[in-house]
């Protein structure tokens, strides 16, 4: 079964009903049917939470957190090896620290990263990226 790592960009697009939402919804259905394994780093979970808080307040953020807890998405802790790889990505690329965790998780799982955030462009030769459109 293929493993895919969700970046916060993908989940925020889904929860905000943006253009890429349908593609993310398809992946969630595939995970429900056990056709794909979805992973999310806890750092990126936090990014989704604060992004929804900023967009719609605490209630919206809490609703999204509850929705995420029911979805077939494996939350992955940021252990030392993952954090070191994220730090390496951050040191060598112009990207946010949270994005570096999504990339590090994709590398560690040999998984495809699902995103539309072009900060990941420099990593295309190192990790597989499923580019979502805005």
N, C-alpha and C. Protein backbone atom coordinates (compact mmCIF):
# COMPACT_ATOMS: atom_id res chain seq x y z
N UNK A 1 0.84 -1.18 0.00
CA UNK A 1 0.00 0.00 0.00
C UNK A 1 0.90 1.25 0.00
N UNK A 2 0.59 2.17 -0.87
CA UNK A 2 1.36 3.41 -0.97
C UNK A 2 1.12 4.29 0.26
N UNK A 3 2.18 4.95 0.69
CA UNK A 3 2.08 5.89 1.80
C UNK A 3 2.22 7.30 1.26
N UNK A 4 1.37 8.18 1.74
CA UNK A 4 1.41 9.59 1.35
C UNK A 4 1.42 10.44 2.61
N UNK A 5 2.20 11.50 2.58
CA UNK A 5 2.28 12.44 3.69
C UNK A 5 1.51 13.69 3.30
N UNK A 6 0.60 14.09 4.16
CA UNK A 6 -0.17 15.30 3.92
C UNK A 6 0.55 16.49 4.53
N UNK A 7 0.74 17.51 3.73
CA UNK A 7 1.24 18.78 4.24
C UNK A 7 0.03 19.58 4.75
N UNK A 8 0.28 20.52 5.61
CA UNK A 8 -0.82 21.34 6.13
C UNK A 8 -1.53 22.09 4.99
N UNK A 9 -0.80 22.45 3.95
CA UNK A 9 -1.40 23.15 2.81
C UNK A 9 -2.58 22.35 2.26
N UNK A 10 -2.37 21.04 2.10
CA UNK A 10 -3.41 20.17 1.55
C UNK A 10 -4.63 20.12 2.47
N UNK A 11 -4.39 19.96 3.75
CA UNK A 11 -5.52 19.86 4.68
C UNK A 11 -6.24 21.20 4.84
N UNK A 12 -5.51 22.29 4.85
CA UNK A 12 -6.17 23.60 4.93
C UNK A 12 -7.01 23.84 3.68
N UNK A 13 -6.52 23.44 2.52
CA UNK A 13 -7.32 23.56 1.29
C UNK A 13 -8.60 22.74 1.41
N UNK A 14 -8.48 21.55 1.97
CA UNK A 14 -9.64 20.67 2.17
C UNK A 14 -10.66 21.31 3.10
N UNK A 15 -10.21 21.74 4.28
CA UNK A 15 -11.14 22.28 5.27
C UNK A 15 -11.72 23.64 4.88
N UNK A 16 -11.00 24.38 4.06
CA UNK A 16 -11.50 25.69 3.62
C UNK A 16 -12.30 25.60 2.31
N UNK A 17 -12.40 24.40 1.75
CA UNK A 17 -13.18 24.22 0.53
C UNK A 17 -12.53 24.84 -0.70
N UNK A 18 -11.22 24.88 -0.73
CA UNK A 18 -10.51 25.46 -1.87
C UNK A 18 -10.45 24.46 -3.03
N UNK A 19 -9.89 24.89 -4.15
CA UNK A 19 -9.89 24.09 -5.37
C UNK A 19 -9.31 22.69 -5.18
N UNK A 20 -8.28 22.56 -4.37
CA UNK A 20 -7.63 21.26 -4.17
C UNK A 20 -8.40 20.34 -3.22
N UNK A 21 -9.47 20.83 -2.65
CA UNK A 21 -10.23 20.04 -1.66
C UNK A 21 -10.70 18.70 -2.21
N UNK A 22 -11.15 18.67 -3.45
CA UNK A 22 -11.66 17.42 -4.04
C UNK A 22 -10.57 16.36 -4.12
N UNK A 23 -9.35 16.78 -4.48
CA UNK A 23 -8.24 15.83 -4.56
C UNK A 23 -7.90 15.25 -3.18
N UNK A 24 -7.92 16.11 -2.17
CA UNK A 24 -7.64 15.66 -0.79
C UNK A 24 -8.75 14.73 -0.32
N UNK A 25 -9.99 15.08 -0.63
CA UNK A 25 -11.12 14.23 -0.25
C UNK A 25 -10.99 12.85 -0.88
N UNK A 26 -10.56 12.79 -2.13
CA UNK A 26 -10.36 11.50 -2.80
C UNK A 26 -9.32 10.67 -2.06
N UNK A 27 -8.23 11.30 -1.64
CA UNK A 27 -7.20 10.58 -0.88
C UNK A 27 -7.75 10.06 0.45
N UNK A 28 -8.56 10.85 1.12
CA UNK A 28 -9.14 10.44 2.39
C UNK A 28 -10.06 9.23 2.18
N UNK A 29 -10.84 9.25 1.11
CA UNK A 29 -11.70 8.09 0.80
C UNK A 29 -10.86 6.84 0.50
N UNK A 30 -9.75 7.03 -0.23
CA UNK A 30 -8.87 5.90 -0.52
C UNK A 30 -8.26 5.34 0.77
N UNK A 31 -7.94 6.23 1.71
CA UNK A 31 -7.39 5.77 2.99
C UNK A 31 -8.46 5.02 3.78
N UNK A 32 -9.69 5.50 3.72
CA UNK A 32 -10.80 4.81 4.39
C UNK A 32 -10.96 3.40 3.83
N UNK A 33 -10.79 3.28 2.52
CA UNK A 33 -10.90 1.97 1.86
C UNK A 33 -9.60 1.17 1.92
N UNK A 34 -8.62 1.66 2.68
CA UNK A 34 -7.32 1.02 2.86
C UNK A 34 -6.58 0.79 1.54
N UNK A 35 -6.70 1.75 0.63
CA UNK A 35 -5.99 1.69 -0.64
C UNK A 35 -4.74 2.56 -0.59
N UNK A 36 -4.65 3.41 0.41
CA UNK A 36 -3.50 4.28 0.60
C UNK A 36 -3.37 4.55 2.10
N UNK A 37 -2.15 4.79 2.54
CA UNK A 37 -1.89 5.11 3.95
C UNK A 37 -1.54 6.60 4.00
N UNK A 38 -2.25 7.36 4.83
CA UNK A 38 -2.01 8.79 4.97
C UNK A 38 -1.34 9.07 6.31
N UNK A 39 -0.31 9.92 6.27
CA UNK A 39 0.42 10.31 7.48
C UNK A 39 0.47 11.83 7.58
N UNK A 40 0.56 12.30 8.81
CA UNK A 40 0.65 13.73 9.10
C UNK A 40 1.53 13.91 10.31
N UNK A 41 2.54 14.75 10.20
CA UNK A 41 3.41 15.05 11.35
C UNK A 41 2.64 15.93 12.33
N UNK A 42 2.85 15.72 13.61
CA UNK A 42 2.15 16.52 14.61
C UNK A 42 2.45 18.01 14.47
N UNK A 43 3.62 18.35 13.98
CA UNK A 43 3.96 19.76 13.75
C UNK A 43 3.03 20.35 12.70
N UNK A 44 2.75 19.59 11.65
CA UNK A 44 1.85 20.05 10.61
C UNK A 44 0.40 20.03 11.09
N UNK A 45 0.07 19.12 11.99
CA UNK A 45 -1.26 19.14 12.62
C UNK A 45 -1.44 20.50 13.32
N UNK A 46 -0.41 20.93 14.02
CA UNK A 46 -0.47 22.22 14.69
C UNK A 46 -0.64 23.37 13.73
N UNK A 47 -0.03 23.27 12.57
CA UNK A 47 -0.18 24.29 11.54
C UNK A 47 -1.63 24.36 11.04
N UNK A 48 -2.24 23.21 10.86
CA UNK A 48 -3.65 23.16 10.45
C UNK A 48 -4.52 23.79 11.54
N UNK A 49 -4.24 23.45 12.78
CA UNK A 49 -5.04 23.96 13.90
C UNK A 49 -4.96 25.48 13.99
N UNK A 50 -3.73 26.03 13.97
CA UNK A 50 -3.66 27.49 14.09
C UNK A 50 -4.15 28.18 12.81
N UNK A 51 -4.00 27.54 11.66
CA UNK A 51 -4.51 28.11 10.41
C UNK A 51 -6.02 28.23 10.42
N UNK A 52 -6.68 27.21 10.95
CA UNK A 52 -8.14 27.27 11.05
C UNK A 52 -8.58 28.24 12.14
N UNK A 53 -7.80 28.35 13.22
CA UNK A 53 -8.11 29.32 14.27
C UNK A 53 -8.09 30.72 13.68
N UNK A 54 -7.04 31.02 12.92
CA UNK A 54 -6.91 32.34 12.30
C UNK A 54 -8.03 32.59 11.30
N UNK A 55 -8.44 31.55 10.58
CA UNK A 55 -9.48 31.71 9.55
C UNK A 55 -10.88 31.81 10.13
N UNK A 56 -11.14 31.09 11.23
CA UNK A 56 -12.52 31.04 11.72
C UNK A 56 -12.68 31.04 13.22
N UNK A 57 -11.59 31.23 13.96
CA UNK A 57 -11.68 31.28 15.42
C UNK A 57 -11.46 29.92 16.06
N UNK A 58 -11.49 29.94 17.39
CA UNK A 58 -11.22 28.73 18.18
C UNK A 58 -12.21 27.62 17.89
N UNK A 59 -13.47 27.95 17.73
CA UNK A 59 -14.48 26.93 17.47
C UNK A 59 -14.18 26.19 16.17
N UNK A 60 -13.83 26.93 15.13
CA UNK A 60 -13.49 26.30 13.85
C UNK A 60 -12.27 25.39 14.00
N UNK A 61 -11.27 25.86 14.73
CA UNK A 61 -10.06 25.06 14.95
C UNK A 61 -10.38 23.78 15.71
N UNK A 62 -11.21 23.88 16.75
CA UNK A 62 -11.58 22.70 17.53
C UNK A 62 -12.40 21.72 16.71
N UNK A 63 -13.27 22.23 15.84
CA UNK A 63 -14.06 21.35 14.97
C UNK A 63 -13.16 20.58 14.01
N UNK A 64 -12.16 21.27 13.45
CA UNK A 64 -11.22 20.62 12.53
C UNK A 64 -10.39 19.59 13.28
N UNK A 65 -9.97 19.91 14.50
CA UNK A 65 -9.21 18.95 15.30
C UNK A 65 -10.03 17.69 15.55
N UNK A 66 -11.31 17.87 15.85
CA UNK A 66 -12.19 16.72 16.06
C UNK A 66 -12.35 15.92 14.77
N UNK A 67 -12.52 16.62 13.65
CA UNK A 67 -12.64 15.93 12.35
C UNK A 67 -11.37 15.13 12.04
N UNK A 68 -10.22 15.75 12.26
CA UNK A 68 -8.95 15.06 12.00
C UNK A 68 -8.80 13.80 12.85
N UNK A 69 -9.29 13.85 14.07
CA UNK A 69 -9.17 12.68 14.96
C UNK A 69 -9.98 11.49 14.46
N UNK A 70 -10.99 11.76 13.63
CA UNK A 70 -11.84 10.69 13.09
C UNK A 70 -11.40 10.24 11.70
N UNK A 71 -10.45 10.93 11.12
CA UNK A 71 -10.02 10.60 9.75
C UNK A 71 -8.95 9.51 9.77
N UNK A 72 -8.84 8.78 8.66
CA UNK A 72 -7.84 7.71 8.57
C UNK A 72 -6.44 8.27 8.26
N UNK A 73 -5.98 9.13 9.18
CA UNK A 73 -4.68 9.77 9.02
C UNK A 73 -3.85 9.43 10.24
N UNK A 74 -2.70 8.84 10.02
CA UNK A 74 -1.79 8.47 11.10
C UNK A 74 -0.97 9.69 11.52
N UNK A 75 -1.09 10.08 12.78
CA UNK A 75 -0.28 11.17 13.31
C UNK A 75 1.09 10.63 13.71
N UNK A 76 2.14 11.32 13.27
CA UNK A 76 3.50 10.89 13.54
C UNK A 76 4.19 11.92 14.41
N UNK A 77 4.74 11.45 15.53
CA UNK A 77 5.46 12.33 16.46
C UNK A 77 6.76 12.81 15.83
N UNK A 78 7.22 13.94 16.27
CA UNK A 78 8.49 14.50 15.79
C UNK A 78 9.62 14.03 16.70
N UNK A 79 10.16 12.85 16.41
CA UNK A 79 11.27 12.33 17.21
C UNK A 79 12.59 12.98 16.77
N UNK A 80 13.68 12.59 17.40
CA UNK A 80 14.97 13.23 17.12
C UNK A 80 15.43 13.02 15.66
N UNK A 81 15.39 11.80 15.09
CA UNK A 81 15.82 11.66 13.70
C UNK A 81 14.98 12.51 12.73
N UNK A 82 13.66 12.56 12.94
CA UNK A 82 12.80 13.36 12.08
C UNK A 82 13.13 14.84 12.24
N UNK A 83 13.33 15.27 13.47
CA UNK A 83 13.65 16.67 13.74
C UNK A 83 14.99 17.06 13.14
N UNK A 84 15.97 16.15 13.20
CA UNK A 84 17.27 16.44 12.59
C UNK A 84 17.13 16.61 11.09
N UNK A 85 16.38 15.73 10.43
CA UNK A 85 16.19 15.85 8.99
C UNK A 85 15.45 17.14 8.65
N UNK A 86 14.46 17.49 9.44
CA UNK A 86 13.74 18.76 9.22
C UNK A 86 14.69 19.94 9.36
N UNK A 87 15.56 19.89 10.35
CA UNK A 87 16.53 20.97 10.55
C UNK A 87 17.49 21.08 9.36
N UNK A 88 17.89 19.95 8.81
CA UNK A 88 18.76 19.95 7.63
C UNK A 88 18.05 20.59 6.44
N UNK A 89 16.79 20.20 6.23
CA UNK A 89 16.02 20.81 5.14
C UNK A 89 15.88 22.32 5.34
N UNK A 90 15.59 22.73 6.56
CA UNK A 90 15.42 24.16 6.86
C UNK A 90 16.73 24.91 6.65
N UNK A 91 17.84 24.32 7.06
CA UNK A 91 19.14 24.98 6.94
C UNK A 91 19.55 25.17 5.48
N UNK A 92 19.12 24.26 4.62
CA UNK A 92 19.58 24.27 3.23
C UNK A 92 18.56 24.77 2.21
N UNK A 93 17.37 25.11 2.66
CA UNK A 93 16.32 25.53 1.73
C UNK A 93 15.54 26.69 2.32
N UNK A 94 14.95 27.47 1.43
CA UNK A 94 14.11 28.58 1.86
C UNK A 94 12.70 28.03 2.05
N UNK A 95 12.41 27.58 3.26
CA UNK A 95 11.11 27.00 3.57
C UNK A 95 10.83 27.19 5.05
N UNK A 96 9.56 27.08 5.41
CA UNK A 96 9.20 27.20 6.83
C UNK A 96 9.67 25.96 7.58
N UNK A 97 9.86 26.11 8.87
CA UNK A 97 10.30 24.99 9.69
C UNK A 97 9.23 23.89 9.69
N UNK A 98 7.97 24.27 9.76
CA UNK A 98 6.90 23.26 9.74
C UNK A 98 6.90 22.50 8.42
N UNK A 99 7.10 23.20 7.30
CA UNK A 99 7.17 22.51 6.00
C UNK A 99 8.33 21.52 5.98
N UNK A 100 9.42 21.88 6.63
CA UNK A 100 10.57 20.99 6.69
C UNK A 100 10.21 19.67 7.37
N UNK A 101 9.30 19.69 8.33
CA UNK A 101 8.87 18.45 8.99
C UNK A 101 8.06 17.58 8.04
N UNK A 102 7.19 18.19 7.23
CA UNK A 102 6.44 17.40 6.26
C UNK A 102 7.39 16.72 5.28
N UNK A 103 8.38 17.47 4.80
CA UNK A 103 9.36 16.90 3.87
C UNK A 103 10.17 15.79 4.53
N UNK A 104 10.59 16.02 5.77
CA UNK A 104 11.37 15.02 6.49
C UNK A 104 10.56 13.74 6.70
N UNK A 105 9.28 13.90 6.99
CA UNK A 105 8.43 12.72 7.18
C UNK A 105 8.28 11.96 5.86
N UNK A 106 8.09 12.68 4.77
CA UNK A 106 7.99 12.01 3.47
C UNK A 106 9.27 11.24 3.16
N UNK A 107 10.40 11.85 3.45
CA UNK A 107 11.69 11.17 3.21
C UNK A 107 11.82 9.93 4.09
N UNK A 108 11.49 10.07 5.38
CA UNK A 108 11.67 8.94 6.31
C UNK A 108 10.75 7.77 5.99
N UNK A 109 9.57 8.06 5.43
CA UNK A 109 8.61 7.00 5.09
C UNK A 109 8.75 6.56 3.63
N UNK A 110 9.69 7.19 2.89
CA UNK A 110 9.80 6.95 1.46
C UNK A 110 8.43 7.11 0.81
N UNK A 111 7.78 8.20 1.16
CA UNK A 111 6.40 8.45 0.77
C UNK A 111 6.31 9.67 -0.14
N UNK A 112 5.18 9.78 -0.79
CA UNK A 112 4.89 10.94 -1.61
C UNK A 112 4.31 12.05 -0.73
N UNK A 113 4.80 13.26 -0.90
CA UNK A 113 4.30 14.41 -0.17
C UNK A 113 3.17 15.04 -0.97
N UNK A 114 2.02 15.26 -0.33
CA UNK A 114 0.86 15.85 -0.99
C UNK A 114 0.75 17.31 -0.56
N UNK A 115 0.93 18.23 -1.52
CA UNK A 115 0.95 19.65 -1.21
C UNK A 115 0.72 20.47 -2.47
N UNK A 116 0.50 21.73 -2.27
CA UNK A 116 0.46 22.70 -3.36
C UNK A 116 1.39 23.85 -3.07
N UNK A 117 2.13 23.73 -1.98
CA UNK A 117 3.04 24.77 -1.50
C UNK A 117 4.37 24.69 -2.25
N UNK A 118 4.67 25.73 -3.00
CA UNK A 118 5.86 25.70 -3.85
C UNK A 118 7.17 25.89 -3.09
N UNK A 119 7.11 26.04 -1.77
CA UNK A 119 8.34 26.03 -0.97
C UNK A 119 9.07 24.68 -1.09
N UNK A 120 8.33 23.64 -1.49
CA UNK A 120 8.92 22.30 -1.60
C UNK A 120 9.62 22.06 -2.94
N UNK A 121 9.51 22.99 -3.87
CA UNK A 121 10.07 22.83 -5.21
C UNK A 121 11.54 22.40 -5.19
N UNK A 122 12.41 23.00 -4.34
CA UNK A 122 13.81 22.59 -4.35
C UNK A 122 14.05 21.13 -3.93
N UNK A 123 13.04 20.48 -3.34
CA UNK A 123 13.22 19.11 -2.85
C UNK A 123 12.69 18.06 -3.83
N UNK A 124 12.25 18.48 -5.00
CA UNK A 124 11.65 17.54 -5.97
C UNK A 124 12.57 16.39 -6.35
N UNK A 125 13.88 16.61 -6.33
CA UNK A 125 14.81 15.54 -6.70
C UNK A 125 15.07 14.58 -5.54
N UNK A 126 14.70 15.01 -4.32
CA UNK A 126 14.98 14.20 -3.15
C UNK A 126 13.75 13.44 -2.64
N UNK A 127 12.57 14.04 -2.77
CA UNK A 127 11.34 13.38 -2.33
C UNK A 127 10.30 13.46 -3.45
N UNK A 128 9.40 12.49 -3.46
CA UNK A 128 8.30 12.49 -4.43
C UNK A 128 7.25 13.49 -3.96
N UNK A 129 6.74 14.28 -4.89
CA UNK A 129 5.73 15.28 -4.54
C UNK A 129 4.52 15.14 -5.46
N UNK A 130 3.35 15.07 -4.84
CA UNK A 130 2.08 15.09 -5.57
C UNK A 130 1.59 16.54 -5.50
N UNK A 131 1.77 17.27 -6.61
CA UNK A 131 1.41 18.69 -6.61
C UNK A 131 -0.09 18.89 -6.79
N UNK A 132 -0.71 19.50 -5.83
CA UNK A 132 -2.11 19.87 -5.92
C UNK A 132 -2.18 21.28 -6.51
N UNK A 133 -3.25 21.56 -7.23
CA UNK A 133 -3.40 22.89 -7.81
C UNK A 133 -4.35 23.73 -6.98
N UNK A 134 -4.11 25.01 -7.00
CA UNK A 134 -4.91 25.94 -6.20
C UNK A 134 -6.28 26.13 -6.75
